């Protein structure tokens, strides 16, 4: 992999910066990182990484046309991920149109393309969580972010012209280091750690749906270290010509096991060697009717493609994150 030249978009963000770090750990430094680098608080995510060029997101295509580089693969992790941004035009520009531009560039130049989709595409889960290509045309996401991700998924699978090798990865609830800048959109673990340190109590949303008790809303929580290992594996398979066109398509990236928010918070307390202390508050009205109460990835497609590594359990992943990063005031992976 070391001689290959890879593009990683969203490299200043949570998952993208972790991805660059893992590539560096594999001895890979010939990386072009792409993002909006003007956000000063995200600088720590990328400034210590090893890369050959940092390119502003809006200039990437023009920059590539000018440089005429031979690109071995593109990992497109950049996106507008704020589920409380209700202006669809914002999501359409960044998550659909920009992704289409990158797809088309990779198609023309025959570059393998791995991009981030989202479990938000599944909406309330009434259509299930199967990553086949037929169901995506029936899905009804609950927010503008999920709609934009599903629109690109639908567009991608319908394309006759496409990158030689490509995958769209439906990320479920990802947590881990490098997310400190995400504020309201950071994981419940990050918020729990800060609440435990300041008040000793973690506040969780009450349930506003029949069949779910307070704090027992269920999500498929996946540790970022597992997620980037999967991407690195796919990249390696593609670069070694072990991936074939029949494997192209959409893949769920979760653990395949839904867990409750109470479980998550108890694990967060355990990572600090404290007894759990939980209070319940009403869910904000602006997200109440757009809230997913259950997500659980079907993972057989990824396993069938050849990925065999086990995933972190919720308890092990949260403990590693809390004990070795948050409690150590270590922001980054």
C-alpha atoms as a PDB file:
ATOM      1  CA  UNK A   1       0.000   0.000   0.000  1.00  0.00           C
ATOM      2  CA  UNK A   2       2.862   2.399   0.689  1.00  0.00           C
ATOM      3  CA  UNK A   3       3.467   3.467  -2.920  1.00  0.00           C
ATOM      4  CA  UNK A   4      -0.208   4.133  -3.612  1.00  0.00           C
ATOM      5  CA  UNK A   5      -1.618   7.671  -3.565  1.00  0.00           C
ATOM      6  CA  UNK A   6      -4.919   7.954  -1.697  1.00  0.00           C
ATOM      7  CA  UNK A   7      -7.393  10.798  -1.245  1.00  0.00           C
ATOM      8  CA  UNK A   8      -9.289  11.040   2.057  1.00  0.00           C
ATOM      9  CA  UNK A   9     -12.065  13.639   2.246  1.00  0.00           C
ATOM     10  CA  UNK A  10     -13.383  14.825   5.600  1.00  0.00           C
ATOM     11  CA  UNK A  11      -9.854  14.358   6.930  1.00  0.00           C
ATOM     12  CA  UNK A  12     -10.219  17.084   9.574  1.00  0.00           C
ATOM     13  CA  UNK A  13     -13.369  15.475  10.935  1.00  0.00           C
ATOM     14  CA  UNK A  14     -14.075  12.640  13.316  1.00  0.00           C
ATOM     15  CA  UNK A  15     -13.941   9.508  11.163  1.00  0.00           C
ATOM     16  CA  UNK A  16     -11.736  10.956   8.431  1.00  0.00           C
ATOM     17  CA  UNK A  17      -8.933  11.915  10.795  1.00  0.00           C
ATOM     18  CA  UNK A  18      -9.045   8.471  12.428  1.00  0.00           C
ATOM     19  CA  UNK A  19      -8.829   6.956   8.943  1.00  0.00           C
ATOM     20  CA  UNK A  20      -5.717   8.969   8.091  1.00  0.00           C
ATOM     21  CA  UNK A  21      -4.113   7.938  11.381  1.00  0.00           C
ATOM     22  CA  UNK A  22      -4.726   4.252  10.672  1.00  0.00           C
ATOM     23  CA  UNK A  23      -3.237   4.607   7.189  1.00  0.00           C
ATOM     24  CA  UNK A  24      -0.200   6.274   8.752  1.00  0.00           C
ATOM     25  CA  UNK A  25       0.106   3.364  11.199  1.00  0.00           C
ATOM     26  CA  UNK A  26       0.159   1.033   8.204  1.00  0.00           C
ATOM     27  CA  UNK A  27       3.146   2.984   6.902  1.00  0.00           C
ATOM     28  CA  UNK A  28       1.111   4.955   4.377  1.00  0.00           C
ATOM     29  CA  UNK A  29       2.018   8.642   4.098  1.00  0.00           C
ATOM     30  CA  UNK A  30       1.252   9.398   0.443  1.00  0.00           C
ATOM     31  CA  UNK A  31      -2.174  10.803   1.291  1.00  0.00           C
ATOM     32  CA  UNK A  32      -4.026  13.852  -0.012  1.00  0.00           C
ATOM     33  CA  UNK A  33      -6.275  15.109   2.771  1.00  0.00           C
ATOM     34  CA  UNK A  34      -9.373  17.119   1.869  1.00  0.00           C
ATOM     35  CA  UNK A  35     -11.674  19.213   4.048  1.00  0.00           C
ATOM     36  CA  UNK A  36     -12.595  22.765   4.983  1.00  0.00           C
ATOM     37  CA  UNK A  37      -9.456  23.438   6.971  1.00  0.00           C
ATOM     38  CA  UNK A  38     -10.502  26.838   8.294  1.00  0.00           C
ATOM     39  CA  UNK A  39     -12.170  25.375  11.402  1.00  0.00           C
ATOM     40  CA  UNK A  40      -9.473  26.025  13.979  1.00  0.00           C
ATOM     41  CA  UNK A  41     -10.813  23.680  16.675  1.00  0.00           C
ATOM     42  CA  UNK A  42     -10.426  20.732  14.278  1.00  0.00           C
ATOM     43  CA  UNK A  43      -6.756  21.494  13.572  1.00  0.00           C
ATOM     44  CA  UNK A  44      -5.526  19.047  16.215  1.00  0.00           C
ATOM     45  CA  UNK A  45      -7.293  16.245  14.320  1.00  0.00           C
ATOM     46  CA  UNK A  46      -5.096  16.528  11.255  1.00  0.00           C
ATOM     47  CA  UNK A  47      -2.006  18.689  11.809  1.00  0.00           C
ATOM     48  CA  UNK A  48       0.091  15.863  13.291  1.00  0.00           C
ATOM     49  CA  UNK A  49      -0.851  13.363  10.572  1.00  0.00           C
ATOM     50  CA  UNK A  50       1.498  12.473   7.727  1.00  0.00           C
ATOM     51  CA  UNK A  51       0.280  13.499   4.272  1.00  0.00           C
ATOM     52  CA  UNK A  52       1.565  14.982   1.027  1.00  0.00           C
ATOM     53  CA  UNK A  53      -1.036  17.709   0.436  1.00  0.00           C
ATOM     54  CA  UNK A  54      -3.988  19.366   2.157  1.00  0.00           C
ATOM     55  CA  UNK A  55      -6.625  20.580  -0.296  1.00  0.00           C
ATOM     56  CA  UNK A  56      -9.722  22.651   0.431  1.00  0.00           C
ATOM     57  CA  UNK A  57     -12.899  20.741  -0.338  1.00  0.00           C
ATOM     58  CA  UNK A  58     -14.313  23.171  -2.880  1.00  0.00           C
ATOM     59  CA  UNK A  59     -11.039  23.226  -4.837  1.00  0.00           C
ATOM     60  CA  UNK A  60     -10.403  19.480  -5.063  1.00  0.00           C
ATOM     61  CA  UNK A  61     -11.557  18.716  -8.616  1.00  0.00           C
ATOM     62  CA  UNK A  62      -9.836  21.784 -10.051  1.00  0.00           C
ATOM     63  CA  UNK A  63      -6.676  20.962  -8.084  1.00  0.00           C
ATOM     64  CA  UNK A  64      -6.649  17.385  -9.359  1.00  0.00           C
ATOM     65  CA  UNK A  65      -7.170  18.522 -12.955  1.00  0.00           C
ATOM     66  CA  UNK A  66      -4.229  20.873 -12.595  1.00  0.00           C
ATOM     67  CA  UNK A  67      -1.882  18.400 -10.889  1.00  0.00           C
ATOM     68  CA  UNK A  68      -2.759  15.443 -13.143  1.00  0.00           C
ATOM     69  CA  UNK A  69      -1.825  12.980 -10.430  1.00  0.00           C
ATOM     70  CA  UNK A  70      -2.292   9.239 -10.593  1.00  0.00           C
ATOM     71  CA  UNK A  71      -4.731   8.484  -7.772  1.00  0.00           C
ATOM     72  CA  UNK A  72      -5.006   4.900  -6.552  1.00  0.00           C
ATOM     73  CA  UNK A  73      -8.234   5.272  -4.537  1.00  0.00           C
ATOM     74  CA  UNK A  74     -10.551   7.842  -2.972  1.00  0.00           C
ATOM     75  CA  UNK A  75     -12.104   7.472   0.481  1.00  0.00           C
ATOM     76  CA  UNK A  76     -14.925  10.012   0.658  1.00  0.00           C
ATOM     77  CA  UNK A  77     -15.860  10.583   4.308  1.00  0.00           C
ATOM     78  CA  UNK A  78     -16.623  14.305   4.166  1.00  0.00           C
ATOM     79  CA  UNK A  79     -20.285  15.253   4.649  1.00  0.00           C
ATOM     80  CA  UNK A  80     -22.692  17.559   6.399  1.00  0.00           C
ATOM     81  CA  UNK A  81     -23.803  15.261   9.217  1.00  0.00           C
ATOM     82  CA  UNK A  82     -25.904  17.569  11.401  1.00  0.00           C
ATOM     83  CA  UNK A  83     -29.275  15.865  11.812  1.00  0.00           C
ATOM     84  CA  UNK A  84     -30.720  19.080  13.283  1.00  0.00           C
ATOM     85  CA  UNK A  85     -29.977  21.064  10.103  1.00  0.00           C
ATOM     86  CA  UNK A  86     -33.392  21.069   8.444  1.00  0.00           C
ATOM     87  CA  UNK A  87     -32.468  23.039   5.308  1.00  0.00           C
ATOM     88  CA  UNK A  88     -32.273  20.293   2.707  1.00  0.00           C
ATOM     89  CA  UNK A  89     -30.416  22.534   0.271  1.00  0.00           C
ATOM     90  CA  UNK A  90     -27.390  22.473   2.597  1.00  0.00           C
ATOM     91  CA  UNK A  91     -27.331  18.679   2.655  1.00  0.00           C
ATOM     92  CA  UNK A  92     -28.050  18.416  -1.059  1.00  0.00           C
ATOM     93  CA  UNK A  93     -25.052  20.567  -1.971  1.00  0.00           C
ATOM     94  CA  UNK A  94     -22.536  18.741   0.235  1.00  0.00           C
ATOM     95  CA  UNK A  95     -23.901  15.202   0.481  1.00  0.00           C
ATOM     96  CA  UNK A  96     -25.413  14.725  -2.972  1.00  0.00           C
ATOM     97  CA  UNK A  97     -24.019  17.116  -5.572  1.00  0.00           C
ATOM     98  CA  UNK A  98     -20.444  17.127  -4.266  1.00  0.00           C
ATOM     99  CA  UNK A  99     -20.471  13.331  -3.914  1.00  0.00           C
ATOM    100  CA  UNK A 100     -21.721  13.060  -7.502  1.00  0.00           C
ATOM    101  CA  UNK A 101     -18.822  15.237  -8.668  1.00  0.00           C
ATOM    102  CA  UNK A 102     -16.321  12.949  -6.928  1.00  0.00           C
ATOM    103  CA  UNK A 103     -18.043   9.809  -8.235  1.00  0.00           C
ATOM    104  CA  UNK A 104     -17.890  11.158 -11.779  1.00  0.00           C
ATOM    105  CA  UNK A 105     -14.213  12.069 -11.419  1.00  0.00           C
ATOM    106  CA  UNK A 106     -13.403   8.570 -10.166  1.00  0.00           C
ATOM    107  CA  UNK A 107     -15.450   7.054 -12.984  1.00  0.00           C
ATOM    108  CA  UNK A 108     -13.612   9.000 -15.680  1.00  0.00           C
ATOM    109  CA  UNK A 109     -10.194   8.278 -14.182  1.00  0.00           C
ATOM    110  CA  UNK A 110     -11.012   4.681 -13.154  1.00  0.00           C
ATOM    111  CA  UNK A 111     -10.302   5.250  -9.464  1.00  0.00           C
ATOM    112  CA  UNK A 112     -11.749   2.936  -6.768  1.00  0.00           C
ATOM    113  CA  UNK A 113     -14.230   4.889  -4.647  1.00  0.00           C
ATOM    114  CA  UNK A 114     -15.298   4.207  -1.034  1.00  0.00           C
ATOM    115  CA  UNK A 115     -17.867   6.605   0.412  1.00  0.00           C
ATOM    116  CA  UNK A 116     -19.771   7.110   3.652  1.00  0.00           C
ATOM    117  CA  UNK A 117     -23.507   6.646   3.714  1.00  0.00           C
ATOM    118  CA  UNK A 118     -25.553   6.371   6.911  1.00  0.00           C
ATOM    119  CA  UNK A 119     -28.028   4.275   8.866  1.00  0.00           C
ATOM    120  CA  UNK A 120     -30.121   7.465   8.958  1.00  0.00           C
ATOM    121  CA  UNK A 121     -31.268   6.359   5.491  1.00  0.00           C
ATOM    122  CA  UNK A 122     -33.364   3.614   7.136  1.00  0.00           C
ATOM    123  CA  UNK A 123     -35.765   6.065   8.774  1.00  0.00           C
ATOM    124  CA  UNK A 124     -37.961   4.532  11.472  1.00  0.00           C
ATOM    125  CA  UNK A 125     -36.798   1.035  10.580  1.00  0.00           C
ATOM    126  CA  UNK A 126     -40.177  -0.134   9.293  1.00  0.00           C
ATOM    127  CA  UNK A 127     -38.484  -1.359   6.101  1.00  0.00           C
ATOM    128  CA  UNK A 128     -35.810  -3.182   8.071  1.00  0.00           C
ATOM    129  CA  UNK A 129     -32.028  -2.723   8.040  1.00  0.00           C
ATOM    130  CA  UNK A 130     -31.027  -4.845   5.067  1.00  0.00           C
ATOM    131  CA  UNK A 131     -28.278  -3.366   2.882  1.00  0.00           C
ATOM    132  CA  UNK A 132     -29.656  -4.684  -0.402  1.00  0.00           C
ATOM    133  CA  UNK A 133     -30.136  -2.339  -3.338  1.00  0.00           C
ATOM    134  CA  UNK A 134     -33.862  -2.829  -3.822  1.00  0.00           C
ATOM    135  CA  UNK A 135     -35.044  -1.536  -0.462  1.00  0.00           C
ATOM    136  CA  UNK A 136     -33.326   1.860  -0.708  1.00  0.00           C
ATOM    137  CA  UNK A 137     -35.998   3.093  -3.133  1.00  0.00           C
ATOM    138  CA  UNK A 138     -38.660   2.406  -0.501  1.00  0.00           C
ATOM    139  CA  UNK A 139     -36.899   4.006   2.477  1.00  0.00           C
ATOM    140  CA  UNK A 140     -38.287   7.125   4.146  1.00  0.00           C
ATOM    141  CA  UNK A 141     -35.531   8.843   6.191  1.00  0.00           C
ATOM    142  CA  UNK A 142     -36.668  10.996   9.101  1.00  0.00           C
ATOM    143  CA  UNK A 143     -34.483  14.060   8.509  1.00  0.00           C
ATOM    144  CA  UNK A 144     -32.807  16.070   5.760  1.00  0.00           C
ATOM    145  CA  UNK A 145     -29.429  14.464   6.427  1.00  0.00           C
ATOM    146  CA  UNK A 146     -30.819  10.949   6.018  1.00  0.00           C
ATOM    147  CA  UNK A 147     -32.738  11.962   2.897  1.00  0.00           C
ATOM    148  CA  UNK A 148     -29.588  13.359   1.287  1.00  0.00           C
ATOM    149  CA  UNK A 149     -27.596  10.210   2.022  1.00  0.00           C
ATOM    150  CA  UNK A 150     -30.343   8.010   0.619  1.00  0.00           C
ATOM    151  CA  UNK A 151     -30.670  10.185  -2.480  1.00  0.00           C
ATOM    152  CA  UNK A 152     -27.000   9.666  -3.246  1.00  0.00           C
ATOM    153  CA  UNK A 153     -27.257   5.921  -2.563  1.00  0.00           C
ATOM    154  CA  UNK A 154     -30.187   5.678  -4.992  1.00  0.00           C
ATOM    155  CA  UNK A 155     -28.316   7.707  -7.585  1.00  0.00           C
ATOM    156  CA  UNK A 156     -25.165   5.609  -7.189  1.00  0.00           C
ATOM    157  CA  UNK A 157     -26.770   2.200  -7.623  1.00  0.00           C
ATOM    158  CA  UNK A 158     -28.642   3.450 -10.695  1.00  0.00           C
ATOM    159  CA  UNK A 159     -25.505   4.554 -12.533  1.00  0.00           C
ATOM    160  CA  UNK A 160     -24.458   2.635 -15.634  1.00  0.00           C
ATOM    161  CA  UNK A 161     -21.126   4.470 -15.537  1.00  0.00           C
ATOM    162  CA  UNK A 162     -19.355   4.066 -12.240  1.00  0.00           C
ATOM    163  CA  UNK A 163     -15.894   3.765 -10.685  1.00  0.00           C
ATOM    164  CA  UNK A 164     -14.337   0.369 -11.442  1.00  0.00           C
ATOM    165  CA  UNK A 165     -14.647  -0.625  -7.778  1.00  0.00           C
ATOM    166  CA  UNK A 166     -16.914   1.158  -5.300  1.00  0.00           C
ATOM    167  CA  UNK A 167     -18.659   0.738  -1.959  1.00  0.00           C
ATOM    168  CA  UNK A 168     -21.124   2.896  -0.043  1.00  0.00           C
ATOM    169  CA  UNK A 169     -20.883   2.289   3.695  1.00  0.00           C
ATOM    170  CA  UNK A 170     -23.964   2.785   5.855  1.00  0.00           C
ATOM    171  CA  UNK A 171     -22.449   3.850   9.164  1.00  0.00           C
ATOM    172  CA  UNK A 172     -24.566   3.128  12.220  1.00  0.00           C
ATOM    173  CA  UNK A 173     -23.941   4.949  15.548  1.00  0.00           C
ATOM    174  CA  UNK A 174     -20.208   5.604  15.518  1.00  0.00           C
ATOM    175  CA  UNK A 175     -18.329   6.695  18.652  1.00  0.00           C
ATOM    176  CA  UNK A 176     -14.706   7.197  19.579  1.00  0.00           C
ATOM    177  CA  UNK A 177     -11.805   9.666  19.749  1.00  0.00           C
ATOM    178  CA  UNK A 178     -11.581  12.752  17.507  1.00  0.00           C
ATOM    179  CA  UNK A 179     -15.283  13.634  17.906  1.00  0.00           C
ATOM    180  CA  UNK A 180     -14.780  16.364  20.539  1.00  0.00           C
ATOM    181  CA  UNK A 181     -15.593  19.162  18.048  1.00  0.00           C
ATOM    182  CA  UNK A 182     -19.034  17.800  17.085  1.00  0.00           C
ATOM    183  CA  UNK A 183     -20.911  19.425  19.972  1.00  0.00           C
ATOM    184  CA  UNK A 184     -24.555  18.365  20.029  1.00  0.00           C
ATOM    185  CA  UNK A 185     -23.817  15.718  17.370  1.00  0.00           C
ATOM    186  CA  UNK A 186     -21.080  14.015  19.421  1.00  0.00           C
ATOM    187  CA  UNK A 187     -21.830  10.553  20.811  1.00  0.00           C
ATOM    188  CA  UNK A 188     -23.762   9.964  24.022  1.00  0.00           C
ATOM    189  CA  UNK A 189     -20.513   8.618  25.490  1.00  0.00           C
ATOM    190  CA  UNK A 190     -18.749  11.948  24.976  1.00  0.00           C
ATOM    191  CA  UNK A 191     -21.667  13.824  26.509  1.00  0.00           C
ATOM    192  CA  UNK A 192     -21.905  11.302  29.351  1.00  0.00           C
ATOM    193  CA  UNK A 193     -18.233  11.702  30.230  1.00  0.00           C
ATOM    194  CA  UNK A 194     -18.605  15.470  30.475  1.00  0.00           C
ATOM    195  CA  UNK A 195     -21.804  15.232  32.523  1.00  0.00           C
ATOM    196  CA  UNK A 196     -20.239  12.722  34.904  1.00  0.00           C
ATOM    197  CA  UNK A 197     -17.272  15.028  35.469  1.00  0.00           C
ATOM    198  CA  UNK A 198     -19.374  18.141  36.015  1.00  0.00           C
ATOM    199  CA  UNK A 199     -22.481  16.877  37.854  1.00  0.00           C
ATOM    200  CA  UNK A 200     -22.006  13.156  38.517  1.00  0.00           C
ATOM    201  CA  UNK A 201     -25.289  12.506  36.713  1.00  0.00           C
ATOM    202  CA  UNK A 202     -26.025  11.575  33.088  1.00  0.00           C
ATOM    203  CA  UNK A 203     -29.263  12.790  31.541  1.00  0.00           C
ATOM    204  CA  UNK A 204     -30.940  10.592  28.951  1.00  0.00           C
ATOM    205  CA  UNK A 205     -34.016  11.243  26.846  1.00  0.00           C
ATOM    206  CA  UNK A 206     -37.315   9.865  28.019  1.00  0.00           C
ATOM    207  CA  UNK A 207     -39.120   7.642  25.583  1.00  0.00           C
ATOM    208  CA  UNK A 208     -41.985   9.247  23.715  1.00  0.00           C
ATOM    209  CA  UNK A 209     -42.975   6.062  21.912  1.00  0.00           C
ATOM    210  CA  UNK A 210     -45.061   3.142  23.084  1.00  0.00           C
ATOM    211  CA  UNK A 211     -43.100  -0.062  23.544  1.00  0.00           C
ATOM    212  CA  UNK A 212     -39.873   1.648  24.646  1.00  0.00           C
ATOM    213  CA  UNK A 213     -39.129   2.468  28.278  1.00  0.00           C
ATOM    214  CA  UNK A 214     -37.058   5.514  29.199  1.00  0.00           C
ATOM    215  CA  UNK A 215     -33.427   4.994  28.200  1.00  0.00           C
ATOM    216  CA  UNK A 216     -34.167   1.703  26.485  1.00  0.00           C
ATOM    217  CA  UNK A 217     -34.151   3.119  22.985  1.00  0.00           C
ATOM    218  CA  UNK A 218     -31.895   0.769  21.030  1.00  0.00           C
ATOM    219  CA  UNK A 219     -29.067   1.596  18.645  1.00  0.00           C
ATOM    220  CA  UNK A 220     -26.282  -0.304  16.928  1.00  0.00           C
ATOM    221  CA  UNK A 221     -23.227   1.405  18.426  1.00  0.00           C
ATOM    222  CA  UNK A 222     -19.984   0.798  16.518  1.00  0.00           C
ATOM    223  CA  UNK A 223     -16.518   1.824  17.698  1.00  0.00           C
ATOM    224  CA  UNK A 224     -14.663   3.988  15.194  1.00  0.00           C
ATOM    225  CA  UNK A 225     -11.639   1.681  15.421  1.00  0.00           C
ATOM    226  CA  UNK A 226     -13.725  -1.149  13.970  1.00  0.00           C
ATOM    227  CA  UNK A 227     -15.131   1.066  11.254  1.00  0.00           C
ATOM    228  CA  UNK A 228     -11.773   2.286   9.954  1.00  0.00           C
ATOM    229  CA  UNK A 229     -10.401  -1.260  10.036  1.00  0.00           C
ATOM    230  CA  UNK A 230     -13.200  -2.264   7.668  1.00  0.00           C
ATOM    231  CA  UNK A 231     -12.416   0.617   5.318  1.00  0.00           C
ATOM    232  CA  UNK A 232      -8.710  -0.221   5.395  1.00  0.00           C
ATOM    233  CA  UNK A 233      -9.539  -3.842   4.587  1.00  0.00           C
ATOM    234  CA  UNK A 234     -11.731  -2.837   1.632  1.00  0.00           C
ATOM    235  CA  UNK A 235      -9.047  -0.468   0.385  1.00  0.00           C
ATOM    236  CA  UNK A 236      -6.405  -3.169   0.616  1.00  0.00           C
ATOM    237  CA  UNK A 237      -8.620  -5.657  -1.215  1.00  0.00           C
ATOM    238  CA  UNK A 238      -9.232  -3.137  -3.990  1.00  0.00           C
ATOM    239  CA  UNK A 239      -5.581  -2.139  -4.367  1.00  0.00           C
ATOM    240  CA  UNK A 240      -4.507  -5.789  -4.490  1.00  0.00           C
ATOM    241  CA  UNK A 241      -7.176  -6.564  -7.114  1.00  0.00           C
ATOM    242  CA  UNK A 242      -8.870  -8.980  -4.726  1.00  0.00           C
ATOM    243  CA  UNK A 243     -12.138  -7.034  -4.940  1.00  0.00           C
ATOM    244  CA  UNK A 244     -14.329  -7.686  -7.959  1.00  0.00           C
ATOM    245  CA  UNK A 245     -17.109  -5.686  -9.556  1.00  0.00           C
ATOM    246  CA  UNK A 246     -19.750  -8.090  -8.254  1.00  0.00           C
ATOM    247  CA  UNK A 247     -18.837  -6.996  -4.728  1.00  0.00           C
ATOM    248  CA  UNK A 248     -19.482  -3.324  -5.490  1.00  0.00           C
ATOM    249  CA  UNK A 249     -22.407  -1.718  -3.690  1.00  0.00           C
ATOM    250  CA  UNK A 250     -23.841  -0.734  -0.326  1.00  0.00           C
ATOM    251  CA  UNK A 251     -22.709  -2.255   2.970  1.00  0.00           C
ATOM    252  CA  UNK A 252     -23.937  -1.810   6.526  1.00  0.00           C
ATOM    253  CA  UNK A 253     -21.217  -0.909   9.019  1.00  0.00           C
ATOM    254  CA  UNK A 254     -22.422  -1.681  12.524  1.00  0.00           C
ATOM    255  CA  UNK A 255     -21.956  -4.561  14.948  1.00  0.00           C
ATOM    256  CA  UNK A 256     -25.193  -6.362  14.182  1.00  0.00           C
ATOM    257  CA  UNK A 257     -26.332  -6.057  17.808  1.00  0.00           C
ATOM    258  CA  UNK A 258     -28.580  -3.272  19.112  1.00  0.00           C
ATOM    259  CA  UNK A 259     -27.930  -2.037  22.655  1.00  0.00           C
ATOM    260  CA  UNK A 260     -29.774   0.426  24.885  1.00  0.00           C
ATOM    261  CA  UNK A 261     -28.652   3.891  25.862  1.00  0.00           C
ATOM    262  CA  UNK A 262     -28.786   2.747  29.479  1.00  0.00           C
ATOM    263  CA  UNK A 263     -26.221   0.057  28.639  1.00  0.00           C
ATOM    264  CA  UNK A 264     -24.088   2.684  26.947  1.00  0.00           C
ATOM    265  CA  UNK A 265     -24.149   5.053  29.901  1.00  0.00           C
ATOM    266  CA  UNK A 266     -23.484   2.271  32.420  1.00  0.00           C
ATOM    267  CA  UNK A 267     -20.410   1.340  30.386  1.00  0.00           C
ATOM    268  CA  UNK A 268     -19.328   4.996  30.436  1.00  0.00           C
ATOM    269  CA  UNK A 269     -19.561   5.105  34.237  1.00  0.00           C
ATOM    270  CA  UNK A 270     -17.704   1.780  34.444  1.00  0.00           C
ATOM    271  CA  UNK A 271     -14.867   3.234  32.374  1.00  0.00           C
ATOM    272  CA  UNK A 272     -14.438   5.785  35.159  1.00  0.00           C
ATOM    273  CA  UNK A 273     -14.888   3.198  37.925  1.00  0.00           C
ATOM    274  CA  UNK A 274     -18.089   4.881  39.089  1.00  0.00           C
ATOM    275  CA  UNK A 275     -21.603   3.689  39.869  1.00  0.00           C
ATOM    276  CA  UNK A 276     -24.203   4.689  37.285  1.00  0.00           C
ATOM    277  CA  UNK A 277     -26.404   7.688  38.124  1.00  0.00           C
ATOM    278  CA  UNK A 278     -28.988   8.423  35.418  1.00  0.00           C
ATOM    279  CA  UNK A 279     -31.827  10.956  35.147  1.00  0.00           C
ATOM    280  CA  UNK A 280     -34.365  11.266  32.336  1.00  0.00           C
ATOM    281  CA  UNK A 281     -35.378  14.434  30.510  1.00  0.00           C
ATOM    282  CA  UNK A 282     -37.876  15.167  27.754  1.00  0.00           C
ATOM    283  CA  UNK A 283     -36.578  14.871  24.227  1.00  0.00           C
ATOM    284  CA  UNK A 284     -36.330  18.267  22.449  1.00  0.00           C
ATOM    285  CA  UNK A 285     -39.362  18.949  20.286  1.00  0.00           C
ATOM    286  CA  UNK A 286     -37.249  19.709  17.205  1.00  0.00           C
ATOM    287  CA  UNK A 287     -36.070  16.099  16.966  1.00  0.00           C
ATOM    288  CA  UNK A 288     -38.885  14.214  18.705  1.00  0.00           C
ATOM    289  CA  UNK A 289     -40.722  13.141  15.541  1.00  0.00           C
ATOM    290  CA  UNK A 290     -37.459  12.456  13.689  1.00  0.00           C
ATOM    291  CA  UNK A 291     -35.889  10.161  16.254  1.00  0.00           C
ATOM    292  CA  UNK A 292     -34.863   6.553  15.560  1.00  0.00           C
ATOM    293  CA  UNK A 293     -35.866   4.257  18.438  1.00  0.00           C
ATOM    294  CA  UNK A 294     -34.233   1.120  17.063  1.00  0.00           C
ATOM    295  CA  UNK A 295     -31.368   0.445  14.666  1.00  0.00           C
ATOM    296  CA  UNK A 296     -29.541  -2.829  14.115  1.00  0.00           C
ATOM    297  CA  UNK A 297     -27.311  -3.514  11.139  1.00  0.00           C
ATOM    298  CA  UNK A 298     -27.624  -6.712   9.183  1.00  0.00           C
ATOM    299  CA  UNK A 299     -23.973  -7.601   8.684  1.00  0.00           C
ATOM    300  CA  UNK A 300     -24.051 -10.771   6.608  1.00  0.00           C
ATOM    301  CA  UNK A 301     -23.254  -8.960   3.357  1.00  0.00           C
ATOM    302  CA  UNK A 302     -19.947  -7.669   4.749  1.00  0.00           C
ATOM    303  CA  UNK A 303     -19.112 -11.104   6.130  1.00  0.00           C
ATOM    304  CA  UNK A 304     -19.935 -12.693   2.791  1.00  0.00           C
ATOM    305  CA  UNK A 305     -17.541 -10.239   1.135  1.00  0.00           C
ATOM    306  CA  UNK A 306     -14.762 -11.722   3.256  1.00  0.00           C
ATOM    307  CA  UNK A 307     -14.409  -9.512   6.345  1.00  0.00           C
ATOM    308  CA  UNK A 308     -13.746 -11.830   9.284  1.00  0.00           C
ATOM    309  CA  UNK A 309     -12.465  -9.713  12.182  1.00  0.00           C
ATOM    310  CA  UNK A 310     -14.576  -9.542  15.368  1.00  0.00           C
ATOM    311  CA  UNK A 311     -16.026  -6.246  16.564  1.00  0.00           C
ATOM    312  CA  UNK A 312     -15.481  -4.538  19.897  1.00  0.00           C
ATOM    313  CA  UNK A 313     -18.281  -5.292  22.342  1.00  0.00           C
ATOM    314  CA  UNK A 314     -20.085  -2.205  23.605  1.00  0.00           C
ATOM    315  CA  UNK A 315     -18.440  -2.582  27.015  1.00  0.00           C
ATOM    316  CA  UNK A 316     -14.915  -3.034  25.617  1.00  0.00           C
ATOM    317  CA  UNK A 317     -15.202  -0.230  23.090  1.00  0.00           C
ATOM    318  CA  UNK A 318     -16.635   2.274  25.567  1.00  0.00           C
ATOM    319  CA  UNK A 319     -14.062   1.354  28.192  1.00  0.00           C
ATOM    320  CA  UNK A 320     -11.203   1.884  25.730  1.00  0.00           C
ATOM    321  CA  UNK A 321     -12.620   5.239  24.640  1.00  0.00           C
ATOM    322  CA  UNK A 322     -13.384   6.513  28.142  1.00  0.00           C
ATOM    323  CA  UNK A 323     -10.365   5.136  29.995  1.00  0.00           C
ATOM    324  CA  UNK A 324      -7.661   5.668  27.354  1.00  0.00           C
ATOM    325  CA  UNK A 325      -8.843   8.852  25.655  1.00  0.00           C
ATOM    326  CA  UNK A 326     -11.471  10.890  27.493  1.00  0.00           C
ATOM    327  CA  UNK A 327     -10.133  10.262  31.011  1.00  0.00           C
ATOM    328  CA  UNK A 328      -6.575  10.947  29.805  1.00  0.00           C
ATOM    329  CA  UNK A 329      -7.703  14.226  28.174  1.00  0.00           C
ATOM    330  CA  UNK A 330      -6.414  12.771  24.933  1.00  0.00           C
ATOM    331  CA  UNK A 331      -8.502  14.241  22.159  1.00  0.00           C
ATOM    332  CA  UNK A 332      -7.223  12.291  19.203  1.00  0.00           C
ATOM    333  CA  UNK A 333      -6.546   8.815  17.918  1.00  0.00           C
END
